[in-house]
Amino acid sequence: MVVFQEMARQWWAEYLPELTKELKRTGQWIEMTDKAGENATMELIARLRNGENYQAAREIVERQYLLLPPETDE
């Protein structure tokens, strides 16, 4: 789902700058954000097929694959 791929790119660029920099440096930025979007889409479909509520399922997959915890300065 393109929406998920773009969500990953925007979130990671803003909240995971070191990861973003490393992925871009190694040429894996598009591949990894595309994969995150694909994984989120597949997981969402599986959850919906199991009867889960759309909004609840979407929030789960967004946190699991896209909206990863921000990097810290620690």
C-alpha atoms as a PDB file:
ATOM      1  CA  MET A   1       0.000   0.000   0.000  1.00  0.00           C
ATOM      2  CA  VAL A   2       1.572   3.230  -1.171  1.00  0.00           C
ATOM      3  CA  VAL A   3       0.029   5.094   1.755  1.00  0.00           C
ATOM      4  CA  PHE A   4       1.924   2.894   4.201  1.00  0.00           C
ATOM      5  CA  GLN A   5       5.189   3.232   2.283  1.00  0.00           C
ATOM      6  CA  GLU A   6       4.914   7.007   2.282  1.00  0.00           C
ATOM      7  CA  MET A   7       3.959   6.991   5.965  1.00  0.00           C
ATOM      8  CA  ALA A   8       7.109   4.996   6.750  1.00  0.00           C
ATOM      9  CA  ARG A   9       9.296   7.389   4.736  1.00  0.00           C
ATOM     10  CA  GLN A  10       7.912  10.492   6.418  1.00  0.00           C
ATOM     11  CA  TRP A  11       8.017   9.062   9.955  1.00  0.00           C
ATOM     12  CA  TRP A  12      11.451   7.496   9.641  1.00  0.00           C
ATOM     13  CA  ALA A  13      12.938  10.654   8.099  1.00  0.00           C
ATOM     14  CA  GLU A  14      11.613  12.776  10.956  1.00  0.00           C
ATOM     15  CA  TYR A  15      11.958  10.476  13.964  1.00  0.00           C
ATOM     16  CA  LEU A  16      14.690   8.040  12.891  1.00  0.00           C
ATOM     17  CA  PRO A  17      17.267  10.327  11.290  1.00  0.00           C
ATOM     18  CA  GLU A  18      20.270   8.078  11.953  1.00  0.00           C
ATOM     19  CA  LEU A  19      18.535   5.013  10.526  1.00  0.00           C
ATOM     20  CA  THR A  20      17.372   7.090   7.557  1.00  0.00           C
ATOM     21  CA  LYS A  21      20.884   8.383   6.939  1.00  0.00           C
ATOM     22  CA  GLU A  22      22.366   4.876   7.095  1.00  0.00           C
ATOM     23  CA  LEU A  23      19.726   3.364   4.817  1.00  0.00           C
ATOM     24  CA  LYS A  24      20.213   6.131   2.275  1.00  0.00           C
ATOM     25  CA  ARG A  25      24.000   5.775   2.498  1.00  0.00           C
ATOM     26  CA  THR A  26      23.787   2.062   1.755  1.00  0.00           C
ATOM     27  CA  GLY A  27      21.133   2.462  -0.946  1.00  0.00           C
ATOM     28  CA  GLN A  28      18.482   0.599   1.045  1.00  0.00           C
ATOM     29  CA  TRP A  29      16.123   3.472   1.865  1.00  0.00           C
ATOM     30  CA  ILE A  30      13.475   2.766  -0.771  1.00  0.00           C
ATOM     31  CA  GLU A  31      13.783  -1.011  -0.400  1.00  0.00           C
ATOM     32  CA  MET A  32      13.305  -0.956   3.381  1.00  0.00           C
ATOM     33  CA  THR A  33      10.460   1.570   3.441  1.00  0.00           C
ATOM     34  CA  ASP A  34       8.717  -0.297   0.623  1.00  0.00           C
ATOM     35  CA  LYS A  35       9.132  -3.555   2.557  1.00  0.00           C
ATOM     36  CA  ALA A  36       7.736  -1.947   5.724  1.00  0.00           C
ATOM     37  CA  GLY A  37       4.702  -0.776   3.755  1.00  0.00           C
ATOM     38  CA  GLU A  38       4.217  -4.192   2.166  1.00  0.00           C
ATOM     39  CA  ASN A  39       4.510  -5.967   5.509  1.00  0.00           C
ATOM     40  CA  ALA A  40       2.020  -3.573   7.085  1.00  0.00           C
ATOM     41  CA  THR A  41      -0.411  -4.144   4.225  1.00  0.00           C
ATOM     42  CA  MET A  42      -0.159  -7.931   4.421  1.00  0.00           C
ATOM     43  CA  GLU A  43      -0.573  -7.904   8.209  1.00  0.00           C
ATOM     44  CA  LEU A  44      -3.576  -5.585   7.952  1.00  0.00           C
ATOM     45  CA  ILE A  45      -5.237  -7.863   5.392  1.00  0.00           C
ATOM     46  CA  ALA A  46      -4.622 -10.912   7.589  1.00  0.00           C
ATOM     47  CA  ARG A  47      -6.090  -9.176  10.625  1.00  0.00           C
ATOM     48  CA  LEU A  48      -9.164  -8.052   8.700  1.00  0.00           C
ATOM     49  CA  ARG A  49      -9.703 -11.581   7.389  1.00  0.00           C
ATOM     50  CA  ASN A  50      -9.630 -12.747  11.006  1.00  0.00           C
ATOM     51  CA  GLY A  51     -12.472 -10.361  11.786  1.00  0.00           C
ATOM     52  CA  GLU A  52     -10.570  -7.572  13.527  1.00  0.00           C
ATOM     53  CA  ASN A  53     -11.889  -4.026  13.462  1.00  0.00           C
ATOM     54  CA  TYR A  54     -10.256  -2.003  10.665  1.00  0.00           C
ATOM     55  CA  GLN A  55      -9.182   0.965  12.781  1.00  0.00           C
ATOM     56  CA  ALA A  56      -7.785  -1.184  15.595  1.00  0.00           C
ATOM     57  CA  ALA A  57      -5.942  -3.435  13.135  1.00  0.00           C
ATOM     58  CA  ARG A  58      -4.515  -0.456  11.275  1.00  0.00           C
ATOM     59  CA  GLU A  59      -3.219   1.137  14.476  1.00  0.00           C
ATOM     60  CA  ILE A  60      -1.487  -2.108  15.421  1.00  0.00           C
ATOM     61  CA  VAL A  61       0.260  -2.538  12.073  1.00  0.00           C
ATOM     62  CA  GLU A  62       1.253   1.117  11.919  1.00  0.00           C
ATOM     63  CA  ARG A  63       3.014   0.836  15.289  1.00  0.00           C
ATOM     64  CA  GLN A  64       4.555  -2.526  14.400  1.00  0.00           C
ATOM     65  CA  TYR A  65       5.938  -1.698  10.950  1.00  0.00           C
ATOM     66  CA  LEU A  66       5.796   2.035  10.268  1.00  0.00           C
ATOM     67  CA  LEU A  67       5.691   4.337  13.282  1.00  0.00           C
ATOM     68  CA  LEU A  68       8.709   2.876  15.007  1.00  0.00           C
ATOM     69  CA  PRO A  69       9.876   4.354  18.331  1.00  0.00           C
ATOM     70  CA  PRO A  70      11.844   7.570  17.816  1.00  0.00           C
ATOM     71  CA  GLU A  71      15.595   7.550  18.198  1.00  0.00           C
ATOM     72  CA  THR A  72      16.917   9.004  21.416  1.00  0.00           C
ATOM     73  CA  ASP A  73      20.063  10.958  22.219  1.00  0.00           C
ATOM     74  CA  GLU A  74      21.003   8.550  24.999  1.00  0.00           C
END
